C-alpha atoms as a PDB file:
ATOM      1  CA  SER A   1     -15.214   3.179   9.869  1.00  0.00           C
ATOM      2  CA  ARG A   2     -15.748   3.134  13.645  1.00  0.00           C
ATOM      3  CA  PRO A   3     -17.607   0.238  15.049  1.00  0.00           C
ATOM      4  CA  ASN A   4     -20.913   0.923  16.555  1.00  0.00           C
ATOM      5  CA  GLY A   5     -20.771   1.319  20.377  1.00  0.00           C
ATOM      6  CA  MET A   6     -17.171   2.649  20.419  1.00  0.00           C
ATOM      7  CA  LEU A   7     -16.660   6.314  21.392  1.00  0.00           C
ATOM      8  CA  PRO A   8     -14.548   8.413  19.063  1.00  0.00           C
ATOM      9  CA  ALA A   9     -11.973   9.045  21.660  1.00  0.00           C
ATOM     10  CA  HIS A  10     -11.420   5.338  22.240  1.00  0.00           C
ATOM     11  CA  TYR A  11     -11.410   4.566  18.494  1.00  0.00           C
ATOM     12  CA  VAL A  12      -8.717   7.033  18.029  1.00  0.00           C
ATOM     13  CA  THR A  13      -6.481   5.445  20.650  1.00  0.00           C
ATOM     14  CA  HIS A  14      -7.264   2.053  19.300  1.00  0.00           C
ATOM     15  CA  MET A  15      -6.071   3.214  15.858  1.00  0.00           C
ATOM     16  CA  LEU A  16      -2.942   4.811  17.368  1.00  0.00           C
ATOM     17  CA  ARG A  17      -2.139   1.592  18.925  1.00  0.00           C
ATOM     18  CA  ILE A  18      -2.475  -0.185  15.605  1.00  0.00           C
ATOM     19  CA  LYS A  19      -0.282   2.451  13.817  1.00  0.00           C
ATOM     20  CA  VAL A  20       2.550   2.220  16.450  1.00  0.00           C
ATOM     21  CA  LYS A  21       2.564  -1.607  16.164  1.00  0.00           C
ATOM     22  CA  ASN A  22       2.782  -1.342  12.341  1.00  0.00           C
ATOM     23  CA  MET A  23       5.543   1.230  12.181  1.00  0.00           C
ATOM     24  CA  GLY A  24       8.439  -1.175  12.501  1.00  0.00           C
ATOM     25  CA  LEU A  25      10.046   0.748  15.263  1.00  0.00           C
ATOM     26  CA  PRO A  26      12.695  -0.607  17.761  1.00  0.00           C
ATOM     27  CA  LEU A  27      11.105  -2.152  20.883  1.00  0.00           C
ATOM     28  CA  GLU A  28      12.375   0.554  23.203  1.00  0.00           C
ATOM     29  CA  GLN A  29      10.574   3.432  21.127  1.00  0.00           C
ATOM     30  CA  ARG A  30       7.534   1.307  20.586  1.00  0.00           C
ATOM     31  CA  LEU A  31       7.207   0.826  24.335  1.00  0.00           C
ATOM     32  CA  LEU A  32       7.847   4.411  25.070  1.00  0.00           C
ATOM     33  CA  MET A  33       4.977   5.357  22.555  1.00  0.00           C
ATOM     34  CA  GLU A  34       2.778   2.824  24.159  1.00  0.00           C
ATOM     35  CA  GLN A  35       3.370   4.288  27.638  1.00  0.00           C
ATOM     36  CA  ASN A  36       2.503   7.661  26.258  1.00  0.00           C
ATOM     37  CA  ILE A  37      -0.754   6.344  24.497  1.00  0.00           C
ATOM     38  CA  THR A  38      -1.596   4.664  28.073  1.00  0.00           C
ATOM     39  CA  ARG A  39      -1.038   8.057  29.709  1.00  0.00           C
ATOM     40  CA  LEU A  40      -3.299   9.665  26.983  1.00  0.00           C
ATOM     41  CA  ILE A  41      -5.967   6.909  27.814  1.00  0.00           C
ATOM     42  CA  ASN A  42      -5.825   7.594  31.558  1.00  0.00           C
ATOM     43  CA  ASP A  43      -6.181  11.428  31.078  1.00  0.00           C
ATOM     44  CA  MET A  44      -9.132  10.915  28.800  1.00  0.00           C
ATOM     45  CA  GLY A  45     -10.738   8.646  31.585  1.00  0.00           C
ATOM     46  CA  ALA A  46     -10.160  11.464  34.165  1.00  0.00           C
ATOM     47  CA  CYS A  47     -11.778  14.086  31.914  1.00  0.00           C
ATOM     48  CA  GLU A  48     -14.754  11.756  31.473  1.00  0.00           C
ATOM     49  CA  ASN A  49     -15.026  11.389  35.218  1.00  0.00           C
ATOM     50  CA  ILE A  50     -15.159  15.262  35.444  1.00  0.00           C
ATOM     51  CA  PHE A  51     -17.635  15.559  32.726  1.00  0.00           C
ATOM     52  CA  ALA A  52     -19.910  12.836  34.318  1.00  0.00           C
ATOM     53  CA  THR A  53     -19.789  14.376  37.893  1.00  0.00           C
ATOM     54  CA  PRO A  54     -22.924  16.710  38.418  1.00  0.00           C
ATOM     55  CA  ILE A  55     -22.655  19.959  40.055  1.00  0.00           C
ATOM     56  CA  PRO A  56     -25.536  20.309  42.500  1.00  0.00           C
ATOM     57  CA  VAL A  57     -27.891  22.820  41.338  1.00  0.00           C
ATOM     58  CA  GLY A  58     -28.704  24.120  44.706  1.00  0.00           C
ATOM     59  CA  TYR A  59     -25.171  25.071  45.066  1.00  0.00           C
ATOM     60  CA  THR A  60     -25.159  27.534  42.189  1.00  0.00           C
ATOM     61  CA  LYS A  61     -28.533  28.958  43.067  1.00  0.00           C
ATOM     62  CA  HIS A  62     -27.508  29.543  46.737  1.00  0.00           C
ATOM     63  CA  THR A  63     -24.465  31.425  45.835  1.00  0.00           C
ATOM     64  CA  SER A  64     -26.094  33.511  43.131  1.00  0.00           C
ATOM     65  CA  ARG A  65     -28.992  34.338  45.446  1.00  0.00           C
ATOM     66  CA  PHE A  66     -26.713  35.334  48.357  1.00  0.00           C
ATOM     67  CA  LEU A  67     -24.746  37.587  46.060  1.00  0.00           C
ATOM     68  CA  PHE A  68     -27.705  39.307  44.812  1.00  0.00           C
ATOM     69  CA  LEU A  69     -28.929  39.907  48.430  1.00  0.00           C
ATOM     70  CA  TRP A  70     -25.613  41.138  49.416  1.00  0.00           C
ATOM     71  CA  LEU A  71     -25.424  43.531  46.425  1.00  0.00           C
ATOM     72  CA  LEU A  72     -29.007  44.709  47.083  1.00  0.00           C
ATOM     73  CA  PHE A  73     -28.113  45.768  50.763  1.00  0.00           C
ATOM     74  CA  LEU A  74     -24.689  47.139  49.863  1.00  0.00           C
ATOM     75  CA  PRO A  75     -25.818  50.682  49.098  1.00  0.00           C
ATOM     76  CA  PHE A  76     -27.333  51.090  52.418  1.00  0.00           C
ATOM     77  CA  ALA A  77     -24.025  50.202  54.072  1.00  0.00           C
ATOM     78  CA  LEU A  78     -21.781  52.551  51.747  1.00  0.00           C
ATOM     79  CA  GLN A  79     -24.476  55.472  51.676  1.00  0.00           C
ATOM     80  CA  GLU A  80     -23.032  57.133  54.829  1.00  0.00           C
ATOM     81  CA  GLN A  81     -19.437  57.041  53.735  1.00  0.00           C
ATOM     82  CA  LEU A  82     -19.383  57.512  49.958  1.00  0.00           C
ATOM     83  CA  GLY A  83     -22.732  59.546  49.414  1.00  0.00           C
ATOM     84  CA  ILE A  84     -23.367  59.919  45.714  1.00  0.00           C
ATOM     85  CA  GLY A  85     -20.258  57.758  45.081  1.00  0.00           C
ATOM     86  CA  THR A  86     -22.354  54.747  46.287  1.00  0.00           C
ATOM     87  CA  ILE A  87     -23.779  54.454  42.849  1.00  0.00           C
ATOM     88  CA  PHE A  88     -20.434  54.154  41.229  1.00  0.00           C
ATOM     89  CA  ALA A  89     -19.076  51.865  43.771  1.00  0.00           C
ATOM     90  CA  GLN A  90     -22.049  49.680  43.470  1.00  0.00           C
ATOM     91  CA  GLN A  91     -21.905  49.360  39.763  1.00  0.00           C
ATOM     92  CA  VAL A  92     -18.059  48.576  39.879  1.00  0.00           C
ATOM     93  CA  LEU A  93     -18.522  46.007  42.665  1.00  0.00           C
ATOM     94  CA  SER A  94     -21.599  44.374  40.854  1.00  0.00           C
ATOM     95  CA  PHE A  95     -19.644  44.103  37.735  1.00  0.00           C
ATOM     96  CA  GLY A  96     -16.611  42.466  39.244  1.00  0.00           C
ATOM     97  CA  LEU A  97     -18.445  40.002  41.535  1.00  0.00           C
ATOM     98  CA  LEU A  98     -21.220  39.009  39.095  1.00  0.00           C
ATOM     99  CA  GLY A  99     -18.300  38.347  36.582  1.00  0.00           C
ATOM    100  CA  ILE A 100     -16.393  36.343  38.860  1.00  0.00           C
ATOM    101  CA  GLU A 101     -19.660  34.284  39.619  1.00  0.00           C
ATOM    102  CA  ASP A 102     -20.277  33.812  35.811  1.00  0.00           C
ATOM    103  CA  VAL A 103     -16.637  32.527  35.421  1.00  0.00           C
ATOM    104  CA  GLY A 104     -17.029  30.165  38.337  1.00  0.00           C
ATOM    105  CA  ILE A 105     -20.308  28.724  36.578  1.00  0.00           C
ATOM    106  CA  GLN A 106     -18.390  28.358  33.458  1.00  0.00           C
ATOM    107  CA  ILE A 107     -15.506  26.636  35.355  1.00  0.00           C
ATOM    108  CA  GLU A 108     -18.054  24.195  36.830  1.00  0.00           C
ATOM    109  CA  GLU A 109     -18.987  22.948  33.417  1.00  0.00           C
ATOM    110  CA  PRO A 110     -15.715  23.203  31.424  1.00  0.00           C
ATOM    111  CA  PHE A 111     -16.882  21.085  28.561  1.00  0.00           C
ATOM    112  CA  SER A 112     -19.944  22.943  27.758  1.00  0.00           C
ATOM    113  CA  VAL A 113     -17.739  25.830  26.610  1.00  0.00           C
ATOM    114  CA  LEU A 114     -15.479  23.745  24.344  1.00  0.00           C
ATOM    115  CA  PRO A 115     -16.647  22.711  20.910  1.00  0.00           C
ATOM    116  CA  LEU A 116     -16.273  19.028  21.606  1.00  0.00           C
ATOM    117  CA  LYS A 117     -19.277  17.957  19.287  1.00  0.00           C
ATOM    118  CA  LYS A 118     -17.177  18.780  16.303  1.00  0.00           C
ATOM    119  CA  ILE A 119     -14.635  16.175  17.255  1.00  0.00           C
END
């Protein structure tokens, strides 16, 4: 029932507007609902802007390479102070920092994690 070329989100807001007009509400309530629908449309546009903004691949590659180099040379700096504990410290730090980097990559592309194709 959606016209060709109309995005699903725009079709839903269009249908919302039609339903609000046909509800027979007083003018004040209808204007308030129209204002909320307009705010929803503006927020959808902001989300589409975020989705369309590409993250430079070099940025992600550079941070991950630097992190791996830093973690590679970290045992040499900790060896004198921690001795055999360097292995445990290296594992804990690597787990934490690589986890933060993975979360950062997922935050860069928030819509790839959400199941938006089902909508």
